[in-house]
């Protein structure tokens, strides 16, 4: 999964994740990863429309966003 998140930074491509919050709630997010620092990920969350910090251990799955679902222009 780290490789996918790193590639998201390099290629500026969005990633879909399933995330478990500290309150034990699941959510699906689309992120533009900006930084991975140890056990945290800083990313722009397209759901919340703001920069957010995610705990790496709470990202349950990650998949590259299909390009036809995310127009770049």
Foldseek 3Di string as FASTA:
>chain_A
DVVVLVVLQVVVFKKWWWFQDPVRDTDIWIWRWNDDDPQKTWTQTPVVRGIDIGGNVGGPDMDTDPCVVPPPD
